[in-house]
Amino acid sequence: MRQNYSGPVRMCVCCRKREAQDQLLRLQCTERSLRPYSGTGRSFYLCPECFTAKQTAKALARQCKSGETERLLNELKEIITDVR
């Protein structure tokens, strides 16, 4: 069944679930490092359920084109604590 959204719909890069844009965290990779979206360049979205999921490390490594999954997960934890 199709859900009705009042705004733009985006997809989580980890679980591929579609959600309203304001419910997702927008991130970007610059120089193989994870950062909150700065307003320019390519970005991707991550849903709150995937913040602690096992497959998140693989999805972040794929988006940032980096094999340093532990570093990317640590950067994600820092971003999450700053955003909240």
Protein backbone atom coordinates (compact mmCIF):
# COMPACT_ATOMS: atom_id res chain seq x y z
CA MET A 1 0.00 0.00 0.00
CA ARG A 2 1.30 3.41 -0.93
CA GLN A 3 1.80 5.98 1.82
CA ASN A 4 0.85 9.61 1.31
CA TYR A 5 3.57 12.12 2.18
CA SER A 6 3.08 15.85 2.48
CA GLY A 7 6.58 16.74 1.26
CA PRO A 8 9.53 15.36 -0.68
CA VAL A 9 10.25 11.64 -0.30
CA ARG A 10 13.82 10.32 -0.08
CA MET A 11 15.37 6.87 0.33
CA CYS A 12 17.74 5.63 3.04
CA VAL A 13 21.01 4.34 1.54
CA CYS A 14 21.20 1.54 4.08
CA CYS A 15 17.76 -0.09 4.24
CA ARG A 16 16.30 1.48 1.04
CA LYS A 17 13.15 2.50 2.92
CA ARG A 18 11.37 5.55 1.51
CA GLU A 19 10.50 8.23 4.04
CA ALA A 20 9.62 11.91 4.18
CA GLN A 21 12.73 14.05 3.74
CA ASP A 22 12.37 15.73 7.14
CA GLN A 23 12.49 12.32 8.88
CA LEU A 24 15.93 11.43 7.48
CA LEU A 25 19.45 12.63 8.27
CA ARG A 26 21.20 14.19 5.26
CA LEU A 27 24.93 13.49 5.01
CA GLN A 28 27.71 13.87 2.48
CA CYS A 29 31.22 12.53 1.97
CA THR A 30 34.03 14.96 1.32
CA GLU A 31 37.57 13.65 0.85
CA ARG A 32 36.47 10.20 2.12
CA SER A 33 35.20 11.71 5.35
CA LEU A 34 31.60 11.78 6.57
CA ARG A 35 30.02 15.19 7.26
CA PRO A 36 26.57 16.74 7.68
CA TYR A 37 25.31 18.19 4.40
CA SER A 38 26.89 21.60 3.75
CA GLY A 39 24.58 22.76 0.97
CA THR A 40 26.73 21.95 -2.05
CA GLY A 41 27.74 18.69 -3.68
CA ARG A 42 26.26 15.20 -3.61
CA SER A 43 24.50 13.94 -0.53
CA PHE A 44 22.63 10.91 0.77
CA TYR A 45 20.09 10.13 3.46
CA LEU A 46 20.08 7.80 6.47
CA CYS A 47 17.02 6.87 8.52
CA PRO A 48 17.09 6.82 12.36
CA GLU A 49 16.58 3.03 12.43
CA CYS A 50 19.84 2.53 10.51
CA PHE A 51 22.03 4.58 12.88
CA THR A 52 22.87 1.39 14.79
CA ALA A 53 22.22 -1.30 12.15
CA LYS A 54 24.98 -3.73 11.18
CA GLN A 55 24.75 -3.00 7.46
CA THR A 56 25.25 0.75 8.03
CA ALA A 57 29.05 0.44 7.91
CA LYS A 58 28.92 -1.19 4.49
CA ALA A 59 26.49 1.42 3.15
CA LEU A 60 28.66 4.30 4.41
CA ALA A 61 31.81 2.72 2.94
CA ARG A 62 30.04 2.36 -0.40
CA GLN A 63 28.86 6.01 -0.39
CA CYS A 64 32.25 7.41 0.68
CA LYS A 65 34.27 5.02 -1.49
CA SER A 66 36.37 4.12 1.53
CA GLY A 67 37.16 0.85 3.28
CA GLU A 68 37.62 2.47 6.70
CA THR A 69 34.27 1.42 8.14
CA GLU A 70 35.23 1.88 11.79
CA ARG A 71 36.26 5.51 11.21
CA LEU A 72 33.07 6.22 9.27
CA LEU A 73 30.93 4.76 12.06
CA ASN A 74 32.74 6.92 14.61
CA GLU A 75 32.15 10.01 12.47
CA LEU A 76 28.46 9.06 12.21
CA LYS A 77 28.21 8.80 16.01
CA GLU A 78 29.75 12.25 16.37
CA ILE A 79 27.34 13.74 13.82
CA ILE A 80 24.33 12.13 15.50
CA THR A 81 25.25 13.52 18.93
CA ASP A 82 25.82 17.03 17.48
CA VAL A 83 22.55 17.05 15.51
CA ARG A 84 20.35 15.95 18.41
